[in-house]
Amino acid sequence: MIKKIRKMIENTNLAAKIRYSYVLILLPMLLLSVIMFVTVQKSNSRYEVMINSLAQASEFSLDFKKDYDYETYLLIVGNKSAAESPMHDMLVNAEDIVLKLMDLTASKENNKRLESAIRYITNLRTYQARIEENLSDDEKYEDNIEIWENDVQIVTELLNDTIQEYIYYEVKDLQSARVENQRLYLSLVRGGVIASIIIFLSLAVLSYYIPLSITRPIRTLTGVTDQVAKGDLTVRADVQSGEDLNILSESLNTMIDKINDLIEKEKSDQARLRKAEFELLQSQINPHFLYNTLDAIVWSAEAGNQKQVVKMVGSLSEFFRTSLNQGKDIVTVREEIQHVRSYLEIQQIRYQDILKYEIDVDESIMNYMIPKITLQPLVENAIYHGIKNRRRQGRIIISSRDNEDDFLIEVKDNGIGMTQDRLSQVMDGIRNKAPSESDIYGLYNVNERIKLNFGQEYGLAIESVYEEGSTVSIRLPHVID
């Protein structure tokens, strides 16, 4: 290959040699730039579609179920007429958002979820029409109440859950795209480095043979004098070649520095993206018991139980204060214990006949750090999927164990427990990062946030015996703020 290049250079004139050198230098760089530009453009387009999809989905009101259920109730009891009710506009707005999402998403599974959402909205229109038709007949008030309780509230819950599932799986696709783009970016960087080395070697060859081919005809013109000139010119050619190599070496170093800067920027971007994904995952854990708690407060107030009202309002206030916690994502174990204690105090009042709890966490771990809202989803899971499914006095025990390199917090219940097959399904859903069921999602979310913050060796472990109960263990490192 080198001999062919040398022969080609020797058989062309000076202007052609210079043109060839420019082409040989610029063509590989141009080709590499085009490949990188097209690849990055495709990656950015895919990201933009996913981000637009999530932004559109975020317009769907988190309070849709509460607001629509409430407006339906006001229509039934006569507080608002059909003309005054915003129910029609609420459904039109929800349908517009879902149709826009169907245009944006590329996922077949998510399109199916959106098709289900359209069917739910159609059903709500049907129920609304029945209710409005029954309003003219006072004897059909009970029929309307039955439609509201057995149809409207169930369908709004299904619609809300469907949109939340859509958002979750769009985030999963965004995570997959990020990993794929990171691999592609590293491949481009490696390819760019290899191409730069090839270009450098080509320039080194050209910088040697082009000056040599220029001086060779001059050195062959005369005898001894020409030999002297030949030596002089050769030295100058060598000197010129050395200067070119120095310049090329400096250019290559500059290019490598730029590549390193790009890699550092990519790492920084990835870190910000992981943080955004973490915050989005955390936002999925919402205290669903809020409406029921407010209802319980109203019932207690109507019954004249002032002390119980004061206690529940205080616990609810403390629960949300520690939930917000000045926007911090990582809190101390002490703060997390206070948060779950407030939650349990509220739930014990609501389920006083079936629920007792005990918190026995050692003082030695209270100042270690833990992701915010870690214990409450586990306790909620124990109540709704364990204790409520077993007709006996329920008990939840939160305890701790401090080890040499890490510590454990355990949430134990005496609920219905799980069979080994069901336990395997739950653990697979958590480990495989694909929780297909909503009751697994809370566990998955907690486990994922722990690993994102502290590493893959930390997270959840579950033990369960059917008809006896379950124990969820949280393993965390010794980290102090």
Protein backbone atom coordinates (compact mmCIF):
# COMPACT_ATOMS: atom_id res chain seq x y z
CA MET A 1 0.00 0.00 0.00
CA ILE A 2 2.79 2.43 0.92
CA LYS A 3 4.67 1.58 -2.32
CA LYS A 4 1.54 2.40 -4.37
CA ILE A 5 1.10 5.73 -2.61
CA ARG A 6 4.80 6.51 -3.11
CA LYS A 7 4.66 5.66 -6.84
CA MET A 8 1.50 7.76 -7.31
CA ILE A 9 3.13 10.75 -5.63
CA GLU A 10 6.34 10.47 -7.63
CA ASN A 11 4.46 10.36 -10.98
CA THR A 12 2.39 13.53 -10.44
CA ASN A 13 3.24 17.23 -10.53
CA LEU A 14 3.52 19.48 -7.49
CA ALA A 15 0.00 21.00 -7.72
CA ALA A 16 -1.58 17.57 -8.10
CA LYS A 17 0.44 16.26 -5.15
CA ILE A 18 -0.85 19.04 -2.94
CA ARG A 19 -4.45 18.42 -4.09
CA TYR A 20 -4.10 14.69 -3.42
CA SER A 21 -2.80 15.41 0.06
CA TYR A 22 -5.80 17.67 0.81
CA VAL A 23 -8.24 15.02 -0.44
CA LEU A 24 -6.57 12.26 1.56
CA ILE A 25 -6.72 14.42 4.68
CA LEU A 26 -10.23 15.86 4.32
CA LEU A 27 -12.16 12.89 2.90
CA PRO A 28 -11.90 10.60 5.97
CA MET A 29 -12.66 13.51 8.31
CA LEU A 30 -15.69 14.50 6.23
CA LEU A 31 -16.96 10.93 6.09
CA LEU A 32 -16.56 10.49 9.85
CA SER A 33 -18.35 13.80 10.52
CA VAL A 34 -21.31 12.81 8.31
CA ILE A 35 -21.67 9.43 10.05
CA MET A 36 -21.55 11.03 13.50
CA PHE A 37 -24.01 13.77 12.50
CA VAL A 38 -26.58 11.33 11.07
CA THR A 39 -26.30 9.02 14.08
CA VAL A 40 -26.65 11.81 16.63
CA GLN A 41 -29.57 13.30 14.67
CA LYS A 42 -31.47 10.01 14.74
CA SER A 43 -30.77 9.60 18.46
CA ASN A 44 -31.93 13.14 19.24
CA SER A 45 -35.11 12.67 17.19
CA ARG A 46 -36.01 9.55 19.14
CA TYR A 47 -35.33 11.31 22.45
CA GLU A 48 -37.41 14.31 21.40
CA VAL A 49 -40.41 12.11 20.55
CA MET A 50 -40.21 10.34 23.95
CA ILE A 51 -39.82 13.59 25.89
CA ASN A 52 -42.74 15.18 23.98
CA SER A 53 -44.84 12.12 24.81
CA LEU A 54 -44.07 12.42 28.53
CA ALA A 55 -44.69 16.18 28.47
CA GLN A 56 -48.08 15.61 26.83
CA ALA A 57 -48.97 12.87 29.32
CA SER A 58 -48.13 15.18 32.21
CA GLU A 59 -51.01 17.44 31.12
CA PHE A 60 -53.47 14.74 32.19
CA SER A 61 -54.68 15.95 35.56
CA LEU A 62 -53.64 13.82 38.53
CA ASP A 63 -56.88 15.00 40.16
CA PHE A 64 -59.08 13.87 37.24
CA LYS A 65 -60.65 10.99 39.21
CA LYS A 66 -61.36 13.10 42.29
CA ASP A 67 -62.73 16.06 40.27
CA TYR A 68 -64.86 13.98 37.89
CA ASP A 69 -66.30 11.82 40.70
CA TYR A 70 -67.12 14.97 42.67
CA GLU A 71 -68.78 16.74 39.73
CA THR A 72 -70.85 13.61 39.02
CA TYR A 73 -72.04 13.58 42.65
CA LEU A 74 -72.96 17.28 42.48
CA LEU A 75 -74.98 16.61 39.31
CA ILE A 76 -76.84 13.68 40.94
CA VAL A 77 -77.78 15.54 44.15
CA GLY A 78 -78.91 18.60 42.18
CA ASN A 79 -76.22 21.08 43.24
CA LYS A 80 -75.46 21.68 39.56
CA SER A 81 -77.51 21.30 36.42
CA ALA A 82 -76.29 19.40 33.37
CA ALA A 83 -75.65 22.71 31.62
CA GLU A 84 -73.57 24.05 34.53
CA SER A 85 -71.53 20.88 35.01
CA PRO A 86 -67.97 20.87 33.52
CA MET A 87 -68.08 17.06 33.10
CA HIS A 88 -68.42 17.23 29.32
CA ASP A 89 -65.44 19.58 28.98
CA MET A 90 -63.37 17.39 31.31
CA LEU A 91 -63.96 14.34 29.09
CA VAL A 92 -63.23 16.33 25.90
CA ASN A 93 -59.95 17.58 27.38
CA ALA A 94 -58.95 14.08 28.57
CA GLU A 95 -59.77 12.60 25.16
CA ASP A 96 -57.73 15.28 23.35
CA ILE A 97 -54.69 14.46 25.51
CA VAL A 98 -55.03 10.72 24.87
CA LEU A 99 -55.39 11.23 21.09
CA LYS A 100 -52.27 13.40 21.04
CA LEU A 101 -50.38 10.69 22.93
CA MET A 102 -51.49 8.10 20.35
CA ASP A 103 -49.89 10.26 17.64
CA LEU A 104 -46.63 10.53 19.59
CA THR A 105 -45.95 7.09 21.05
CA ALA A 106 -44.21 4.38 19.00
CA SER A 107 -44.86 1.58 21.50
CA LYS A 108 -47.54 -0.95 20.48
CA GLU A 109 -48.20 -1.85 24.13
CA ASN A 110 -48.65 1.80 25.12
CA ASN A 111 -50.93 2.34 22.12
CA LYS A 112 -53.11 -0.49 23.45
CA ARG A 113 -53.21 1.24 26.84
CA LEU A 114 -54.27 4.49 25.16
CA GLU A 115 -56.98 2.64 23.21
CA SER A 116 -58.26 1.34 26.57
CA ALA A 117 -58.24 4.92 27.89
CA ILE A 118 -60.42 6.02 24.94
CA ARG A 119 -62.88 3.21 25.73
CA TYR A 120 -63.01 4.30 29.38
CA ILE A 121 -63.77 7.89 28.33
CA THR A 122 -66.53 6.61 26.01
CA ASN A 123 -68.00 4.62 28.91
CA LEU A 124 -67.96 7.72 31.12
CA ARG A 125 -69.91 9.61 28.44
CA THR A 126 -72.48 6.79 28.42
CA TYR A 127 -72.81 6.87 32.23
CA GLN A 128 -73.13 10.67 32.14
CA ALA A 129 -75.94 10.43 29.58
CA ARG A 130 -77.81 7.87 31.73
CA ILE A 131 -77.49 10.05 34.82
CA GLU A 132 -78.77 13.13 32.96
CA GLU A 133 -81.68 11.10 31.57
CA ASN A 134 -82.58 9.86 35.08
CA LEU A 135 -82.51 13.40 36.55
CA SER A 136 -85.99 14.08 35.17
CA ASP A 137 -87.40 11.25 37.31
CA ASP A 138 -87.05 11.70 41.10
CA GLU A 139 -87.64 7.99 41.64
CA LYS A 140 -84.39 7.17 39.84
CA TYR A 141 -82.13 8.95 42.33
CA GLU A 142 -80.99 5.59 43.74
CA ASP A 143 -80.26 4.38 40.18
CA ASN A 144 -77.98 7.38 39.66
CA ILE A 145 -76.20 6.76 42.96
CA GLU A 146 -75.64 3.14 41.92
CA ILE A 147 -74.22 4.26 38.54
CA TRP A 148 -71.91 6.69 40.35
CA GLU A 149 -70.65 4.14 42.86
CA ASN A 150 -70.45 1.00 40.70
CA ASP A 151 -69.63 2.44 37.27
CA VAL A 152 -68.26 5.99 37.29
CA GLN A 153 -65.83 5.63 40.20
CA ILE A 154 -64.47 2.30 38.95
CA VAL A 155 -63.94 3.56 35.38
CA THR A 156 -62.25 6.81 36.52
CA GLU A 157 -59.90 4.69 38.66
CA LEU A 158 -59.12 2.46 35.65
CA LEU A 159 -58.54 5.53 33.45
CA ASN A 160 -56.20 7.10 36.00
CA ASP A 161 -54.25 3.83 36.44
CA THR A 162 -53.98 3.40 32.64
CA ILE A 163 -52.42 6.85 32.20
CA GLN A 164 -50.00 6.18 35.08
CA GLU A 165 -48.98 2.86 33.46
CA TYR A 166 -48.46 4.69 30.17
CA ILE A 167 -46.14 7.20 31.87
CA TYR A 168 -44.23 4.42 33.63
CA TYR A 169 -43.55 2.41 30.46
CA GLU A 170 -42.61 5.56 28.52
CA VAL A 171 -40.01 6.21 31.22
CA LYS A 172 -38.79 2.61 30.83
CA ASP A 173 -38.38 3.17 27.07
CA LEU A 174 -36.52 6.40 27.82
CA GLN A 175 -34.15 4.49 30.10
CA SER A 176 -33.54 1.87 27.39
CA ALA A 177 -32.90 4.58 24.81
CA ARG A 178 -30.42 6.24 27.16
CA VAL A 179 -28.45 3.00 27.58
CA GLU A 180 -28.51 2.36 23.83
CA ASN A 181 -27.38 5.92 23.07
CA GLN A 182 -24.59 5.63 25.60
CA ARG A 183 -23.32 2.48 23.89
CA LEU A 184 -23.61 4.13 20.49
CA TYR A 185 -21.80 7.22 21.71
CA LEU A 186 -18.91 5.18 23.10
CA SER A 187 -18.70 3.30 19.79
CA LEU A 188 -18.52 6.60 17.91
CA VAL A 189 -15.81 7.84 20.24
CA ARG A 190 -13.78 4.66 19.72
CA GLY A 191 -14.32 4.90 15.97
CA GLY A 192 -13.30 8.56 16.01
CA VAL A 193 -10.09 7.78 17.91
CA ILE A 194 -9.22 4.95 15.48
CA ALA A 195 -9.99 7.18 12.48
CA SER A 196 -7.83 9.96 13.97
CA ILE A 197 -4.93 7.53 14.37
CA ILE A 198 -5.31 6.40 10.76
CA ILE A 199 -5.41 9.99 9.55
CA PHE A 200 -2.34 10.78 11.65
CA LEU A 201 -0.40 7.87 10.16
CA SER A 202 -1.50 8.87 6.64
CA LEU A 203 -0.34 12.43 7.23
CA ALA A 204 2.98 11.13 8.54
CA VAL A 205 3.50 9.11 5.34
CA LEU A 206 2.47 12.02 3.13
CA SER A 207 4.61 14.52 5.01
CA TYR A 208 7.62 12.32 4.30
CA TYR A 209 7.08 11.23 0.69
CA ILE A 210 5.71 14.48 -0.80
CA PRO A 211 8.74 16.64 0.17
CA LEU A 212 11.00 13.75 -0.86
CA SER A 213 9.39 13.49 -4.30
CA ILE A 214 9.73 17.23 -4.79
CA THR A 215 13.47 17.27 -4.05
CA ARG A 216 14.44 14.07 -5.90
CA PRO A 217 14.33 15.56 -9.49
CA ILE A 218 16.46 18.49 -8.39
CA ARG A 219 19.07 16.24 -6.80
CA THR A 220 19.54 14.28 -10.03
CA LEU A 221 20.40 17.30 -12.30
CA THR A 222 24.16 17.53 -11.82
CA GLY A 223 27.18 15.67 -10.42
CA VAL A 224 29.07 16.43 -7.25
CA THR A 225 27.47 19.84 -6.75
CA ASP A 226 24.10 18.21 -7.13
CA GLN A 227 25.12 15.57 -4.57
CA VAL A 228 25.96 18.29 -2.08
CA ALA A 229 22.64 19.96 -2.80
CA LYS A 230 21.00 16.58 -2.47
CA GLY A 231 22.34 16.17 1.03
CA ASP A 232 21.29 19.68 1.96
CA LEU A 233 17.85 19.27 0.51
CA THR A 234 17.36 15.88 2.15
CA VAL A 235 18.21 17.36 5.50
CA ARG A 236 15.76 20.17 4.87
CA ALA A 237 13.13 17.69 3.79
CA ASP A 238 13.72 15.69 6.97
CA VAL A 239 13.57 18.86 9.03
CA GLN A 240 10.35 19.85 7.28
CA SER A 241 8.97 16.35 7.88
CA GLY A 242 9.82 16.60 11.58
CA GLU A 243 8.11 19.98 11.85
CA ASP A 244 4.99 18.56 10.20
CA LEU A 245 4.98 15.63 12.62
CA ASN A 246 5.18 18.04 15.55
CA ILE A 247 2.26 20.04 14.22
CA LEU A 248 0.25 16.87 13.61
CA SER A 249 1.10 15.61 17.08
CA GLU A 250 -0.17 18.85 18.62
CA SER A 251 -3.36 18.65 16.53
CA LEU A 252 -3.93 15.06 17.61
CA ASN A 253 -3.44 16.00 21.27
CA THR A 254 -5.96 18.82 20.85
CA MET A 255 -8.43 16.40 19.27
CA ILE A 256 -7.96 13.89 22.11
CA ASP A 257 -8.55 16.67 24.65
CA LYS A 258 -11.78 17.59 22.89
CA ILE A 259 -12.88 13.94 22.88
CA ASN A 260 -12.16 13.73 26.61
CA ASP A 261 -14.22 16.88 27.16
CA LEU A 262 -17.09 15.33 25.21
CA ILE A 263 -16.89 12.15 27.29
CA GLU A 264 -16.98 14.17 30.53
CA LYS A 265 -19.96 16.15 29.23
CA GLU A 266 -21.75 12.94 28.33
CA LYS A 267 -21.13 11.58 31.83
CA SER A 268 -22.53 14.78 33.31
CA ASP A 269 -25.58 14.62 31.04
CA GLN A 270 -26.15 10.98 31.96
CA ALA A 271 -25.93 11.85 35.66
CA ARG A 272 -28.56 14.57 35.25
CA LEU A 273 -30.78 12.21 33.30
CA ARG A 274 -30.50 9.50 35.97
CA LYS A 275 -31.45 12.10 38.58
CA ALA A 276 -34.49 13.16 36.54
CA GLU A 277 -35.54 9.54 36.12
CA PHE A 278 -35.06 8.98 39.85
CA GLU A 279 -37.26 11.98 40.67
CA LEU A 280 -39.91 10.79 38.24
CA LEU A 281 -39.86 7.30 39.77
CA GLN A 282 -40.19 8.84 43.22
CA SER A 283 -43.16 10.96 42.12
CA GLN A 284 -45.07 7.76 41.25
CA ILE A 285 -45.34 6.88 44.98
CA ASN A 286 -48.34 8.95 46.11
CA PRO A 287 -50.31 8.55 49.39
CA HIS A 288 -53.52 7.06 47.96
CA PHE A 289 -55.10 7.00 51.39
CA LEU A 290 -55.45 10.83 51.45
CA TYR A 291 -59.11 10.97 50.38
CA ASN A 292 -60.13 8.20 52.78
CA THR A 293 -58.27 9.94 55.60
CA LEU A 294 -60.10 13.21 54.95
CA ASP A 295 -63.38 11.29 54.92
CA ALA A 296 -62.49 9.70 58.26
CA ILE A 297 -61.72 13.15 59.70
CA VAL A 298 -65.12 14.42 58.51
CA TRP A 299 -66.89 11.39 60.03
CA SER A 300 -65.07 11.85 63.34
CA ALA A 301 -65.96 15.56 63.37
CA GLU A 302 -69.64 14.80 62.70
CA ALA A 303 -69.57 12.23 65.52
CA GLY A 304 -68.15 14.86 67.89
CA ASN A 305 -64.90 12.96 68.47
CA GLN A 306 -62.74 16.07 68.79
CA LYS A 307 -59.61 14.37 70.17
CA GLN A 308 -59.51 11.88 67.32
CA VAL A 309 -59.92 14.69 64.76
CA VAL A 310 -57.03 16.65 66.31
CA LYS A 311 -54.81 13.54 66.34
CA MET A 312 -55.57 12.61 62.72
CA VAL A 313 -55.07 16.18 61.45
CA GLY A 314 -51.77 16.42 63.34
CA SER A 315 -50.56 13.08 61.98
CA LEU A 316 -51.65 14.00 58.45
CA SER A 317 -49.85 17.36 58.69
CA GLU A 318 -46.68 15.68 59.98
CA PHE A 319 -46.93 13.03 57.23
CA PHE A 320 -46.96 15.62 54.44
CA ARG A 321 -44.36 17.82 56.13
CA THR A 322 -41.87 14.94 56.21
CA SER A 323 -42.93 13.90 52.68
CA LEU A 324 -41.92 17.29 51.30
CA ASN A 325 -38.91 17.79 53.60
CA GLN A 326 -37.65 20.88 51.75
CA GLY A 327 -37.31 18.95 48.49
CA LYS A 328 -34.58 16.60 49.75
CA ASP A 329 -34.43 13.19 48.05
CA ILE A 330 -32.27 11.57 50.74
CA VAL A 331 -33.17 11.88 54.44
CA THR A 332 -32.01 10.40 57.73
CA VAL A 333 -33.49 7.19 59.10
CA ARG A 334 -34.90 9.28 61.97
CA GLU A 335 -36.87 11.45 59.53
CA GLU A 336 -38.07 8.40 57.58
CA ILE A 337 -39.23 6.70 60.81
CA GLN A 338 -41.19 9.83 61.75
CA HIS A 339 -42.79 9.81 58.30
CA VAL A 340 -43.95 6.18 58.51
CA ARG A 341 -45.04 6.65 62.14
CA SER A 342 -47.42 9.43 61.04
CA TYR A 343 -48.78 7.16 58.33
CA LEU A 344 -49.34 4.28 60.77
CA GLU A 345 -51.04 6.54 63.31
CA ILE A 346 -53.58 7.53 60.66
CA GLN A 347 -54.11 3.97 59.48
CA GLN A 348 -54.48 2.66 63.03
CA ILE A 349 -57.36 5.07 63.61
CA ARG A 350 -59.01 3.96 60.36
CA TYR A 351 -58.38 0.24 60.98
CA GLN A 352 -58.33 0.19 64.78
CA ASP A 353 -60.12 -3.17 64.91
CA ILE A 354 -57.55 -5.02 62.79
CA LEU A 355 -54.26 -3.09 62.99
CA LYS A 356 -51.56 -2.73 65.60
CA TYR A 357 -47.97 -1.70 65.00
CA GLU A 358 -44.59 -1.57 66.72
CA ILE A 359 -41.48 0.44 65.76
CA ASP A 360 -38.27 -0.89 67.28
CA VAL A 361 -35.41 0.78 65.39
CA ASP A 362 -32.04 1.08 67.11
CA GLU A 363 -30.75 4.59 67.88
CA SER A 364 -27.35 3.70 66.36
CA ILE A 365 -28.71 3.84 62.80
CA MET A 366 -30.92 6.93 63.15
CA ASN A 367 -28.39 9.30 61.54
CA TYR A 368 -27.68 7.11 58.48
CA MET A 369 -29.16 8.21 55.14
CA ILE A 370 -32.07 6.55 53.33
CA PRO A 371 -34.08 7.52 50.19
CA LYS A 372 -37.17 9.49 51.17
CA ILE A 373 -40.48 7.56 51.13
CA THR A 374 -38.88 4.11 51.46
CA LEU A 375 -40.77 2.60 54.43
CA GLN A 376 -44.28 3.95 53.79
CA PRO A 377 -44.84 2.04 50.50
CA LEU A 378 -43.74 -1.19 52.23
CA VAL A 379 -46.08 -0.62 55.16
CA GLU A 380 -48.91 0.30 52.77
CA ASN A 381 -48.26 -2.91 50.85
CA ALA A 382 -48.35 -4.92 54.11
CA ILE A 383 -51.71 -3.41 55.08
CA TYR A 384 -53.56 -3.63 51.76
CA HIS A 385 -52.11 -6.88 50.40
CA GLY A 386 -51.35 -8.70 53.63
CA ILE A 387 -53.39 -7.78 56.68
CA LYS A 388 -56.66 -6.79 54.96
CA ASN A 389 -56.73 -10.16 53.18
CA ARG A 390 -56.65 -12.07 56.46
CA ARG A 391 -59.52 -11.86 58.92
CA ARG A 392 -57.68 -11.51 62.21
CA GLN A 393 -55.84 -8.93 64.28
CA GLY A 394 -53.06 -7.54 62.08
CA ARG A 395 -49.65 -6.54 63.35
CA ILE A 396 -46.78 -4.69 61.69
CA ILE A 397 -43.32 -4.60 63.26
CA ILE A 398 -40.56 -2.29 61.99
CA SER A 399 -37.13 -3.30 63.35
CA SER A 400 -33.46 -2.83 62.50
CA ARG A 401 -30.11 -4.60 62.56
CA ASP A 402 -26.74 -2.86 62.32
CA ASN A 403 -23.93 -4.80 60.62
CA GLU A 404 -20.24 -4.05 60.14
CA ASP A 405 -20.50 -2.63 56.60
CA ASP A 406 -24.23 -1.94 56.27
CA PHE A 407 -27.53 -2.01 58.15
CA LEU A 408 -30.98 -3.57 57.68
CA ILE A 409 -34.48 -2.27 58.33
CA GLU A 410 -37.20 -4.93 58.33
CA VAL A 411 -40.96 -4.48 57.85
CA LYS A 412 -42.73 -7.60 59.13
CA ASP A 413 -46.45 -8.37 59.04
CA ASN A 414 -48.65 -11.30 60.06
CA GLY A 415 -50.91 -10.98 57.01
CA ILE A 416 -51.93 -13.54 54.42
CA GLY A 417 -48.36 -13.99 53.13
CA MET A 418 -47.48 -15.43 49.71
CA THR A 419 -47.05 -18.84 48.17
CA GLN A 420 -43.59 -19.67 46.83
CA ASP A 421 -44.83 -19.25 43.25
CA ARG A 422 -46.24 -15.82 44.01
CA LEU A 423 -43.08 -14.82 45.89
CA SER A 424 -40.99 -15.83 42.85
CA GLN A 425 -43.21 -13.71 40.59
CA VAL A 426 -42.81 -10.68 42.86
CA MET A 427 -39.01 -11.04 43.08
CA ASP A 428 -38.73 -11.52 39.31
CA GLY A 429 -40.79 -8.37 38.76
CA ILE A 430 -38.44 -6.41 41.03
CA ARG A 431 -35.15 -7.86 39.71
CA ASN A 432 -36.08 -7.77 36.02
CA LYS A 433 -37.19 -4.15 36.26
CA ALA A 434 -40.51 -5.04 34.66
CA PRO A 435 -43.29 -4.90 37.27
CA SER A 436 -46.34 -6.00 35.29
CA GLU A 437 -48.72 -5.59 38.25
CA SER A 438 -49.56 -2.44 40.21
CA ASP A 439 -49.14 -4.13 43.61
CA ILE A 440 -45.51 -4.95 42.73
CA TYR A 441 -44.76 -1.44 41.52
CA GLY A 442 -44.33 0.08 44.98
CA LEU A 443 -41.73 -2.55 45.89
CA TYR A 444 -39.99 -2.13 42.53
CA ASN A 445 -39.89 1.64 42.92
CA VAL A 446 -38.30 1.49 46.38
CA ASN A 447 -35.74 -1.10 45.26
CA GLU A 448 -34.85 0.88 42.11
CA ARG A 449 -34.31 4.16 43.97
CA ILE A 450 -32.05 2.48 46.54
CA LYS A 451 -29.88 0.98 43.78
CA LEU A 452 -29.70 4.25 41.84
CA ASN A 453 -28.50 6.07 44.95
CA PHE A 454 -26.24 3.53 46.66
CA GLY A 455 -25.35 0.75 44.20
CA GLN A 456 -26.55 -2.60 42.92
CA GLU A 457 -25.52 -4.51 46.05
CA TYR A 458 -28.21 -2.73 48.11
CA GLY A 459 -32.00 -2.95 47.96
CA LEU A 460 -34.89 -5.20 49.02
CA ALA A 461 -35.16 -8.85 49.98
CA ILE A 462 -38.50 -10.57 50.71
CA GLU A 463 -39.36 -13.61 52.80
CA SER A 464 -42.94 -14.87 52.97
CA VAL A 465 -44.90 -17.90 54.17
CA TYR A 466 -48.49 -18.34 53.07
CA GLU A 467 -51.01 -17.93 55.93
CA GLU A 468 -48.24 -16.70 58.25
CA GLY A 469 -46.99 -13.36 56.90
CA SER A 470 -44.18 -11.56 55.09
CA THR A 471 -40.92 -9.78 55.93
CA VAL A 472 -39.34 -7.16 53.64
CA SER A 473 -35.67 -6.37 54.42
CA ILE A 474 -34.02 -3.13 53.27
CA ARG A 475 -30.22 -3.25 53.02
CA LEU A 476 -28.42 0.12 53.04
CA PRO A 477 -24.79 1.32 53.46
CA HIS A 478 -23.43 3.36 56.35
CA VAL A 479 -23.76 6.84 54.85
CA ILE A 480 -23.98 10.00 56.95
CA ASP A 481 -24.80 13.40 55.46
